[in-house]
N, C-alpha and C. Protein backbone atom coordinates (compact mmCIF):
# COMPACT_ATOMS: atom_id res chain seq x y z
N MET A 1 -17.12 194.08 53.32
CA MET A 1 -16.08 193.33 53.02
C MET A 1 -15.65 192.23 53.71
N GLY A 2 -15.21 191.55 53.05
CA GLY A 2 -14.71 189.91 53.22
C GLY A 2 -13.38 189.77 53.24
N TYR A 3 -12.46 189.18 54.16
CA TYR A 3 -11.19 188.89 54.53
C TYR A 3 -11.01 187.68 54.74
N GLN A 4 -10.12 187.12 54.56
CA GLN A 4 -9.51 185.81 55.28
C GLN A 4 -8.24 185.80 55.11
N GLY A 5 -7.59 185.67 56.54
CA GLY A 5 -6.43 185.40 57.34
C GLY A 5 -5.84 183.67 56.86
N ASP A 6 -4.83 183.62 56.16
CA ASP A 6 -4.71 181.93 56.00
C ASP A 6 -3.11 181.53 55.73
N GLU A 7 -2.74 180.70 55.38
CA GLU A 7 -1.51 180.05 55.55
C GLU A 7 -1.81 179.75 53.95
N HIS A 8 -2.06 180.36 52.89
CA HIS A 8 -2.08 180.53 51.66
C HIS A 8 -2.98 181.22 50.86
N MET A 9 -2.84 181.20 49.90
CA MET A 9 -4.03 182.19 48.54
C MET A 9 -4.12 181.38 47.87
N GLN A 10 -4.76 180.23 47.96
CA GLN A 10 -5.37 179.49 47.14
C GLN A 10 -6.68 179.46 47.04
N THR A 11 -7.45 179.57 45.99
CA THR A 11 -8.88 179.67 45.57
C THR A 11 -9.63 179.50 46.49
N LYS A 12 -9.67 178.25 47.65
CA LYS A 12 -10.69 178.04 49.00
C LYS A 12 -10.25 179.41 49.66
N ALA A 13 -8.99 179.90 49.76
CA ALA A 13 -9.12 181.35 50.85
C ALA A 13 -9.71 182.35 50.19
N VAL A 14 -9.65 182.90 48.85
CA VAL A 14 -10.14 183.79 48.49
C VAL A 14 -11.56 183.98 48.42
N ALA A 15 -11.89 182.61 48.04
CA ALA A 15 -13.66 182.47 47.87
C ALA A 15 -14.10 182.53 49.22
N LYS A 16 -13.28 182.37 50.35
CA LYS A 16 -13.79 182.73 51.97
C LYS A 16 -14.04 184.01 51.91
N ALA A 17 -13.24 184.57 51.29
CA ALA A 17 -13.22 186.29 51.67
C ALA A 17 -14.44 186.61 50.51
N LEU A 18 -14.82 186.08 49.69
CA LEU A 18 -15.73 186.64 48.69
C LEU A 18 -17.35 186.51 49.76
N LYS A 19 -17.25 185.24 49.85
CA LYS A 19 -18.43 185.21 50.35
C LYS A 19 -18.80 185.46 51.90
N MET A 20 -17.68 185.72 52.16
CA MET A 20 -17.97 186.74 53.43
C MET A 20 -18.52 188.32 53.31
N ALA A 21 -17.78 188.67 52.14
CA ALA A 21 -18.53 190.04 51.73
C ALA A 21 -19.56 189.75 51.33
N LEU A 22 -19.71 189.26 50.33
CA LEU A 22 -21.50 188.55 49.92
C LEU A 22 -22.51 188.80 51.30
N GLN A 23 -22.05 187.42 52.13
CA GLN A 23 -22.91 187.85 53.60
C GLN A 23 -23.38 188.92 54.29
N THR A 24 -21.87 189.57 53.94
CA THR A 24 -22.37 190.84 54.77
C THR A 24 -23.08 192.19 54.48
N ARG A 25 -23.26 191.98 52.86
CA ARG A 25 -24.02 193.11 52.03
C ARG A 25 -25.20 193.44 52.89
N SER A 26 -25.59 195.07 52.80
CA SER A 26 -27.09 195.41 53.03
C SER A 26 -27.37 196.37 52.02
N ASP A 27 -27.36 195.53 50.76
CA ASP A 27 -27.55 196.24 49.54
C ASP A 27 -27.73 194.92 48.23
N THR A 28 -28.66 195.67 47.30
CA THR A 28 -28.42 194.27 46.11
C THR A 28 -28.01 195.75 45.06
N LEU A 29 -27.27 196.40 44.78
CA LEU A 29 -26.45 197.10 43.66
C LEU A 29 -25.89 196.33 43.28
N PRO A 30 -24.94 196.42 41.76
CA PRO A 30 -24.75 195.51 41.14
C PRO A 30 -23.53 195.60 42.01
N LEU A 31 -22.72 194.47 41.70
CA LEU A 31 -21.37 194.55 41.85
C LEU A 31 -20.45 194.47 41.42
N ILE A 32 -19.21 195.12 41.32
CA ILE A 32 -17.45 194.59 40.19
C ILE A 32 -16.90 194.45 41.36
N HIS A 33 -16.33 193.40 40.69
CA HIS A 33 -15.24 192.57 41.67
C HIS A 33 -13.60 192.89 41.17
N HIS A 34 -12.83 193.32 41.31
CA HIS A 34 -11.42 193.68 40.70
C HIS A 34 -10.50 192.93 41.33
N SER A 35 -9.40 192.35 40.84
CA SER A 35 -8.73 191.48 40.93
C SER A 35 -7.61 191.74 40.49
N ASP A 36 -6.15 191.05 41.01
CA ASP A 36 -5.27 191.14 39.86
C ASP A 36 -5.49 189.62 38.94
N ARG A 37 -4.32 189.03 38.17
CA ARG A 37 -4.52 187.40 37.50
C ARG A 37 -4.18 186.69 37.77
N GLY A 38 -3.81 187.05 38.94
CA GLY A 38 -3.78 185.44 39.94
C GLY A 38 -4.53 184.20 39.55
N ILE A 39 -4.24 183.22 40.00
CA ILE A 39 -4.46 181.89 39.35
C ILE A 39 -5.62 181.68 40.00
N GLN A 40 -5.82 181.87 41.45
CA GLN A 40 -7.16 181.54 41.94
C GLN A 40 -8.14 182.39 42.02
N TYR A 41 -7.91 183.80 41.69
CA TYR A 41 -8.73 184.51 40.72
C TYR A 41 -9.51 184.05 39.66
N CYS A 42 -9.16 183.52 39.02
CA CYS A 42 -9.51 183.11 37.45
C CYS A 42 -9.65 181.90 37.41
N SER A 43 -9.60 181.08 38.78
CA SER A 43 -10.33 179.91 39.14
C SER A 43 -11.83 179.28 38.41
N ALA A 44 -11.99 178.14 37.99
CA ALA A 44 -13.71 178.55 37.71
C ALA A 44 -14.14 178.37 38.62
N GLU A 45 -13.76 177.67 40.12
CA GLU A 45 -14.74 178.08 41.32
C GLU A 45 -14.91 179.59 41.78
N TYR A 46 -13.68 180.57 41.72
CA TYR A 46 -14.40 181.99 42.08
C TYR A 46 -14.86 181.78 40.97
N GLN A 47 -14.70 182.03 39.62
CA GLN A 47 -15.52 182.62 38.99
C GLN A 47 -17.15 181.70 38.93
N GLY A 48 -17.17 181.26 39.49
CA GLY A 48 -18.64 180.01 39.45
C GLY A 48 -19.34 180.89 40.51
N ILE A 49 -18.98 182.01 41.62
CA ILE A 49 -19.33 182.61 42.80
C ILE A 49 -19.86 183.95 42.34
N HIS A 50 -18.98 184.19 41.26
CA HIS A 50 -19.30 185.45 40.65
C HIS A 50 -20.37 185.41 39.79
N GLN A 51 -20.87 184.09 38.81
CA GLN A 51 -21.53 183.76 38.11
C GLN A 51 -22.71 183.83 38.87
N LYS A 52 -22.56 182.90 39.62
CA LYS A 52 -23.77 182.85 40.77
C LYS A 52 -24.65 184.06 41.50
N HIS A 53 -23.99 185.11 41.31
CA HIS A 53 -23.75 186.36 42.64
C HIS A 53 -24.24 187.30 41.62
N GLN A 54 -23.97 187.29 40.11
CA GLN A 54 -23.90 188.41 39.33
C GLN A 54 -23.36 189.44 39.21
N ILE A 55 -21.90 188.71 39.46
CA ILE A 55 -20.71 189.80 40.06
C ILE A 55 -20.16 189.78 38.70
N THR A 56 -19.89 191.41 38.46
CA THR A 56 -18.94 191.38 37.04
C THR A 56 -17.49 191.63 37.62
N CYS A 57 -17.20 191.19 36.55
CA CYS A 57 -15.46 190.36 37.16
C CYS A 57 -14.58 191.22 36.69
N SER A 58 -13.73 191.95 37.08
CA SER A 58 -12.64 193.26 36.68
C SER A 58 -11.81 192.88 36.94
N MET A 59 -10.41 192.68 36.38
CA MET A 59 -9.32 192.25 35.96
C MET A 59 -8.00 193.08 35.79
N THR A 60 -7.15 193.19 36.43
CA THR A 60 -5.81 193.96 35.33
C THR A 60 -5.35 193.50 33.99
N ASP A 61 -4.86 194.56 33.65
CA ASP A 61 -4.39 194.19 31.98
C ASP A 61 -2.82 193.68 32.53
N GLY A 62 -3.24 192.13 32.09
CA GLY A 62 -1.48 191.86 32.06
C GLY A 62 -1.26 191.68 33.43
N TYR A 63 0.18 192.03 33.67
CA TYR A 63 0.19 191.85 34.89
C TYR A 63 0.69 193.45 35.44
N ASP A 64 0.31 194.30 35.42
CA ASP A 64 0.45 196.13 35.67
C ASP A 64 0.12 196.14 36.67
N CYS A 65 1.19 196.35 37.51
CA CYS A 65 0.84 196.56 39.61
C CYS A 65 0.23 197.71 39.98
N TYR A 66 0.16 198.46 39.11
CA TYR A 66 -0.54 200.41 38.92
C TYR A 66 -1.77 199.91 38.59
N GLN A 67 -2.33 199.43 38.31
CA GLN A 67 -3.77 198.88 37.97
C GLN A 67 -5.01 198.60 39.29
N ASN A 68 -3.50 198.41 40.45
CA ASN A 68 -3.96 197.42 41.73
C ASN A 68 -3.66 198.42 43.11
N ALA A 69 -3.29 199.79 42.72
CA ALA A 69 -2.64 200.39 43.58
C ALA A 69 -3.95 200.99 44.89
N LEU A 70 -4.75 201.25 44.48
CA LEU A 70 -5.61 201.07 45.43
C LEU A 70 -5.94 199.99 46.56
N ALA A 71 -5.94 198.88 46.07
CA ALA A 71 -5.84 197.37 46.64
C ALA A 71 -4.78 197.39 47.43
N GLU A 72 -3.29 197.57 47.17
CA GLU A 72 -1.84 197.23 47.48
C GLU A 72 -2.10 198.85 48.38
N ARG A 73 -2.09 199.92 48.07
CA ARG A 73 -2.31 200.70 49.66
C ARG A 73 -3.03 200.39 50.38
N VAL A 74 -4.19 199.84 50.75
CA VAL A 74 -4.80 199.56 51.74
C VAL A 74 -4.52 198.23 52.14
N ASN A 75 -3.68 197.62 51.36
CA ASN A 75 -2.95 196.62 52.13
C ASN A 75 -1.71 196.73 52.79
N GLY A 76 -1.11 197.52 52.62
CA GLY A 76 0.02 198.41 52.96
C GLY A 76 -0.26 199.02 54.01
N ILE A 77 -1.31 199.73 54.42
CA ILE A 77 -1.67 200.25 55.69
C ILE A 77 -1.97 199.47 56.67
N LEU A 78 -2.43 198.10 56.15
CA LEU A 78 -2.99 197.37 57.10
C LEU A 78 -1.32 196.23 57.98
N LYS A 79 -0.34 196.52 56.81
CA LYS A 79 0.57 196.20 57.22
C LYS A 79 1.73 196.62 58.03
N ASN A 80 1.54 197.96 57.47
CA ASN A 80 2.49 199.04 58.63
C ASN A 80 1.99 199.64 59.34
N GLU A 81 0.89 199.83 59.44
CA GLU A 81 0.17 200.96 60.60
C GLU A 81 -0.61 199.91 61.51
N PHE A 82 -1.26 198.57 60.98
CA PHE A 82 -2.00 198.03 62.15
C PHE A 82 -1.39 196.97 62.78
N LEU A 83 -0.65 196.02 61.79
CA LEU A 83 -0.24 194.52 62.36
C LEU A 83 1.31 194.96 62.31
N LEU A 84 1.54 195.82 63.78
CA LEU A 84 3.01 195.97 63.67
C LEU A 84 3.68 195.07 64.66
N ASN A 85 2.82 194.25 65.02
CA ASN A 85 3.38 192.83 66.27
C ASN A 85 3.59 191.80 65.45
N LYS A 86 4.68 190.97 65.31
CA LYS A 86 4.43 189.41 64.66
C LYS A 86 3.73 189.06 65.55
N PRO A 87 2.50 188.14 64.87
CA PRO A 87 1.40 187.12 65.43
C PRO A 87 1.94 186.17 65.85
N LYS A 88 1.52 185.31 67.07
CA LYS A 88 2.28 183.91 67.10
C LYS A 88 2.13 182.58 66.75
N ASP A 89 0.62 182.65 65.37
CA ASP A 89 0.17 181.62 65.06
C ASP A 89 -1.33 182.14 64.46
N LEU A 90 -1.49 181.30 63.01
CA LEU A 90 -2.61 181.35 62.51
C LEU A 90 -3.71 182.31 63.02
N ILE A 91 -4.31 182.10 64.38
CA ILE A 91 -5.28 182.54 64.70
C ILE A 91 -5.16 183.66 65.38
N GLU A 92 -3.86 184.09 65.73
CA GLU A 92 -3.76 185.59 65.67
C GLU A 92 -3.82 186.37 64.49
N VAL A 93 -3.10 185.84 63.53
CA VAL A 93 -3.19 186.38 62.26
C VAL A 93 -4.58 187.07 62.06
N ARG A 94 -5.64 186.05 62.14
CA ARG A 94 -7.02 186.37 62.10
C ARG A 94 -7.40 187.33 62.87
N LEU A 95 -7.31 187.38 64.06
CA LEU A 95 -8.03 188.33 65.21
C LEU A 95 -7.27 189.61 64.96
N MET A 96 -6.10 190.12 64.17
CA MET A 96 -5.09 190.95 64.36
C MET A 96 -5.92 191.53 63.06
N VAL A 97 -6.33 190.61 62.07
CA VAL A 97 -6.93 191.16 60.44
C VAL A 97 -8.25 192.03 60.91
N LYS A 98 -8.53 190.47 61.39
CA LYS A 98 -10.21 191.32 62.15
C LYS A 98 -10.49 192.99 62.58
N GLN A 99 -9.29 192.87 63.59
CA GLN A 99 -9.21 194.10 64.65
C GLN A 99 -8.71 195.25 63.70
N SER A 100 -8.17 195.18 62.97
CA SER A 100 -7.31 196.44 61.96
C SER A 100 -8.36 196.36 60.87
N ILE A 101 -8.96 195.94 60.15
CA ILE A 101 -10.15 196.16 59.64
C ILE A 101 -11.52 196.81 60.02
N LYS A 102 -11.75 196.30 61.12
CA LYS A 102 -13.16 196.71 61.75
C LYS A 102 -12.33 198.85 62.13
N ILE A 103 -10.93 199.09 62.98
CA ILE A 103 -10.70 200.18 62.72
C ILE A 103 -10.38 201.16 61.43
N TYR A 104 -9.90 200.38 60.48
CA TYR A 104 -9.51 200.92 59.43
C TYR A 104 -10.98 201.86 58.89
N ASN A 105 -12.01 200.83 58.81
CA ASN A 105 -13.58 201.01 58.37
C ASN A 105 -14.94 201.56 59.41
N GLU A 106 -14.18 201.71 60.39
CA GLU A 106 -15.54 202.08 61.76
C GLU A 106 -14.29 203.40 61.81
N GLN A 107 -13.39 203.70 62.45
CA GLN A 107 -12.65 204.27 63.47
C GLN A 107 -11.46 205.16 62.53
N LYS A 108 -11.48 204.95 61.74
CA LYS A 108 -9.89 205.89 61.09
C LYS A 108 -10.27 206.50 59.96
N PRO A 109 -10.53 207.84 60.37
CA PRO A 109 -10.95 209.04 59.05
C PRO A 109 -10.22 209.27 57.91
N HIS A 110 -10.57 209.56 57.31
CA HIS A 110 -9.82 209.41 55.51
C HIS A 110 -9.81 210.69 55.27
N LEU A 111 -8.48 210.89 54.76
CA LEU A 111 -8.68 212.12 54.05
C LEU A 111 -9.22 212.47 52.87
N SER A 112 -9.71 211.49 52.17
CA SER A 112 -9.96 211.08 50.82
C SER A 112 -11.13 211.14 51.00
N LEU A 113 -12.24 211.08 52.31
CA LEU A 113 -13.32 210.77 52.21
C LEU A 113 -13.75 212.10 53.42
N LYS A 114 -13.13 213.22 53.39
CA LYS A 114 -13.16 214.52 53.95
C LYS A 114 -13.36 214.36 55.68
N TYR A 115 -12.21 213.31 55.81
CA TYR A 115 -12.22 213.03 57.22
C TYR A 115 -13.05 212.32 57.66
N LYS A 116 -13.82 211.51 57.15
CA LYS A 116 -15.04 210.41 57.20
C LYS A 116 -14.50 209.07 57.43
N MET A 117 -14.95 207.94 58.13
CA MET A 117 -14.94 206.44 58.33
C MET A 117 -15.70 206.03 57.22
N PRO A 118 -14.93 205.17 55.83
CA PRO A 118 -15.73 204.63 55.41
C PRO A 118 -17.06 203.97 55.33
N ASP A 119 -16.94 203.43 56.56
CA ASP A 119 -18.09 202.87 56.71
C ASP A 119 -19.58 203.63 56.90
N ALA A 120 -19.10 204.94 57.40
CA ALA A 120 -20.15 205.97 57.98
C ALA A 120 -20.33 206.52 56.14
N VAL A 121 -19.25 206.45 55.39
CA VAL A 121 -19.39 207.00 53.82
C VAL A 121 -20.82 206.07 53.37
N HIS A 122 -20.11 204.81 53.29
CA HIS A 122 -21.12 203.88 52.72
C HIS A 122 -22.36 203.91 52.88
N ARG A 123 -22.71 203.57 54.43
CA ARG A 123 -24.01 204.02 55.10
C ARG A 123 -24.93 204.74 54.40
N ALA A 124 -24.22 206.09 54.43
CA ALA A 124 -24.66 207.09 54.25
C ALA A 124 -24.82 207.17 52.51
N PHE A 125 -24.26 206.49 51.63
CA PHE A 125 -24.60 206.35 50.54
C PHE A 125 -26.10 205.58 49.88
N LEU A 126 -26.18 204.06 51.06
CA LEU A 126 -27.01 203.63 50.89
C LEU A 126 -28.56 204.05 51.38
N ASN A 127 -28.16 205.09 52.34
CA ASN A 127 -29.76 205.51 52.81
C ASN A 127 -30.42 206.67 51.79
N GLN A 128 -29.60 207.15 51.04
CA GLN A 128 -29.76 208.55 49.73
C GLN A 128 -30.98 207.75 49.09
N PRO A 129 -31.87 208.62 49.04
CA PRO A 129 -33.03 208.32 48.12
C PRO A 129 -32.55 207.91 46.75
N GLU A 130 -33.30 206.93 45.90
CA GLU A 130 -32.73 207.09 44.39
C GLU A 130 -33.24 208.54 43.08
N ILE A 131 -32.06 208.77 42.61
CA ILE A 131 -32.40 209.69 41.90
C ILE A 131 -33.13 209.37 40.28
N SER A 132 -34.37 209.69 40.32
CA SER A 132 -35.63 209.06 39.00
C SER A 132 -34.71 209.92 37.74
N GLU A 133 -34.89 209.53 36.88
CA GLU A 133 -34.91 210.24 35.36
C GLU A 133 -35.72 210.95 34.76
């Protein structure tokens, strides 16, 4: 997964997060990237990354916030459960986000995953043999 802590949410910042996610991939399965219709996600630069890496772009219909419920829930968990202290600067923000995402993915059991960690479920999914038809 990719992330970027920055002072803004412009194309440059979200592109860094997407590139990070692509660099840390351990498989070649097709990707679908879902986002809202923010200008940074609609930009030619960002969409060019999608094209270069053959990523299918998925965006909300209009401005329906409920279509991003899962992403907003994860953002809420990060803000309300992990990022409880106010960071003193951008360096500390980046460190806190990095640590929080690591805990969320590698140490926090999730009810929806039968109390397993997302990283373990993802690794197990990747190691399953392919089903032939």
